Amino acid sequence: MNNNLESNPLISVIICVYNADNFIVDALNSIDTQTENDFELIIVDDGSTDSSLKLIEEFILNKKY
């Protein structure tokens, strides 16, 4: 086992989104403010017809990930 992984585990956060424009920014901000910063964020949009995808894109662009 890699000692680096033991001391700094990678966490996967998965968010499934469908028409969540009322909640997605709060959810992303909550994840972004966690004390653990060694994580990957996977967002799956299931064909939203509201502004969810646009809000996600804006959030990522503003954070410059």
C-alpha atoms as a PDB file:
ATOM      1  CA  MET A   1       0.000   0.000   0.000  1.00  0.00           C
ATOM      2  CA  ASN A   2       1.274   3.478  -0.853  1.00  0.00           C
ATOM      3  CA  ASN A   3       2.099   5.397   2.333  1.00  0.00           C
ATOM      4  CA  ASN A   4       1.172   8.653   0.642  1.00  0.00           C
ATOM      5  CA  LEU A   5      -2.359   7.358   0.115  1.00  0.00           C
ATOM      6  CA  GLU A   6      -2.552   6.255   3.741  1.00  0.00           C
ATOM      7  CA  SER A   7      -1.704   9.710   5.042  1.00  0.00           C
ATOM      8  CA  ASN A   8      -3.697  11.634   2.451  1.00  0.00           C
ATOM      9  CA  PRO A   9      -6.579   9.571   1.108  1.00  0.00           C
ATOM     10  CA  LEU A  10      -8.343  10.686  -2.021  1.00  0.00           C
ATOM     11  CA  ILE A  11     -12.085  11.120  -1.523  1.00  0.00           C
ATOM     12  CA  SER A  12     -14.576  10.939  -4.368  1.00  0.00           C
ATOM     13  CA  VAL A  13     -17.678  13.096  -4.027  1.00  0.00           C
ATOM     14  CA  ILE A  14     -20.408  12.262  -6.523  1.00  0.00           C
ATOM     15  CA  ILE A  15     -23.382  14.542  -7.114  1.00  0.00           C
ATOM     16  CA  CYS A  16     -26.231  13.420  -9.346  1.00  0.00           C
ATOM     17  CA  VAL A  17     -28.191  16.386 -10.664  1.00  0.00           C
ATOM     18  CA  TYR A  18     -31.576  16.685 -12.322  1.00  0.00           C
ATOM     19  CA  ASN A  19     -33.234  20.110 -12.341  1.00  0.00           C
ATOM     20  CA  ALA A  20     -31.493  21.188  -9.140  1.00  0.00           C
ATOM     21  CA  ASP A  21     -30.891  24.858  -9.879  1.00  0.00           C
ATOM     22  CA  ASN A  22     -32.476  25.804  -6.530  1.00  0.00           C
ATOM     23  CA  PHE A  23     -29.948  23.695  -4.592  1.00  0.00           C
ATOM     24  CA  ILE A  24     -26.806  23.057  -6.637  1.00  0.00           C
ATOM     25  CA  VAL A  25     -24.847  26.196  -5.714  1.00  0.00           C
ATOM     26  CA  ASP A  26     -25.385  25.566  -1.993  1.00  0.00           C
ATOM     27  CA  ALA A  27     -24.318  21.949  -2.440  1.00  0.00           C
ATOM     28  CA  LEU A  28     -21.157  22.929  -4.331  1.00  0.00           C
ATOM     29  CA  ASN A  29     -20.292  25.619  -1.786  1.00  0.00           C
ATOM     30  CA  SER A  30     -20.727  23.101   1.015  1.00  0.00           C
ATOM     31  CA  ILE A  31     -18.302  20.690  -0.624  1.00  0.00           C
ATOM     32  CA  ASP A  32     -15.860  23.483  -1.438  1.00  0.00           C
ATOM     33  CA  THR A  33     -15.675  24.658   2.195  1.00  0.00           C
ATOM     34  CA  GLN A  34     -14.861  21.271   3.715  1.00  0.00           C
ATOM     35  CA  THR A  35     -11.610  21.010   5.635  1.00  0.00           C
ATOM     36  CA  GLU A  36     -10.475  17.984   3.606  1.00  0.00           C
ATOM     37  CA  ASN A  37      -9.094  19.232   0.318  1.00  0.00           C
ATOM     38  CA  ASP A  38      -7.763  16.010  -1.215  1.00  0.00           C
ATOM     39  CA  PHE A  39     -10.890  15.065  -3.130  1.00  0.00           C
ATOM     40  CA  GLU A  40     -12.306  14.774  -6.587  1.00  0.00           C
ATOM     41  CA  LEU A  41     -15.755  16.056  -7.447  1.00  0.00           C
ATOM     42  CA  ILE A  42     -17.807  14.126  -9.979  1.00  0.00           C
ATOM     43  CA  ILE A  43     -21.011  15.776 -11.157  1.00  0.00           C
ATOM     44  CA  VAL A  44     -23.470  13.786 -13.258  1.00  0.00           C
ATOM     45  CA  ASP A  45     -26.226  15.816 -14.883  1.00  0.00           C
ATOM     46  CA  ASP A  46     -29.128  13.633 -15.986  1.00  0.00           C
ATOM     47  CA  GLY A  47     -30.468  15.924 -18.706  1.00  0.00           C
ATOM     48  CA  SER A  48     -31.578  18.872 -16.616  1.00  0.00           C
ATOM     49  CA  THR A  49     -33.878  21.296 -18.403  1.00  0.00           C
ATOM     50  CA  ASP A  50     -33.384  24.139 -15.923  1.00  0.00           C
ATOM     51  CA  SER A  51     -30.232  26.196 -15.351  1.00  0.00           C
ATOM     52  CA  SER A  52     -28.399  23.525 -13.301  1.00  0.00           C
ATOM     53  CA  LEU A  53     -25.678  22.896 -15.874  1.00  0.00           C
ATOM     54  CA  LYS A  54     -25.040  26.621 -16.390  1.00  0.00           C
ATOM     55  CA  LEU A  55     -24.736  27.164 -12.621  1.00  0.00           C
ATOM     56  CA  ILE A  56     -22.302  24.249 -12.314  1.00  0.00           C
ATOM     57  CA  GLU A  57     -20.167  25.569 -15.172  1.00  0.00           C
ATOM     58  CA  GLU A  58     -20.118  29.079 -13.662  1.00  0.00           C
ATOM     59  CA  PHE A  59     -19.140  27.699 -10.253  1.00  0.00           C
ATOM     60  CA  ILE A  60     -16.234  25.722 -11.701  1.00  0.00           C
ATOM     61  CA  LEU A  61     -15.039  28.614 -13.867  1.00  0.00           C
ATOM     62  CA  ASN A  62     -15.153  31.043 -10.927  1.00  0.00           C
ATOM     63  CA  LYS A  63     -13.179  28.652  -8.728  1.00  0.00           C
ATOM     64  CA  LYS A  64     -10.626  28.108 -11.528  1.00  0.00           C
ATOM     65  CA  TYR A  65     -10.314  24.373 -10.915  1.00  0.00           C
END
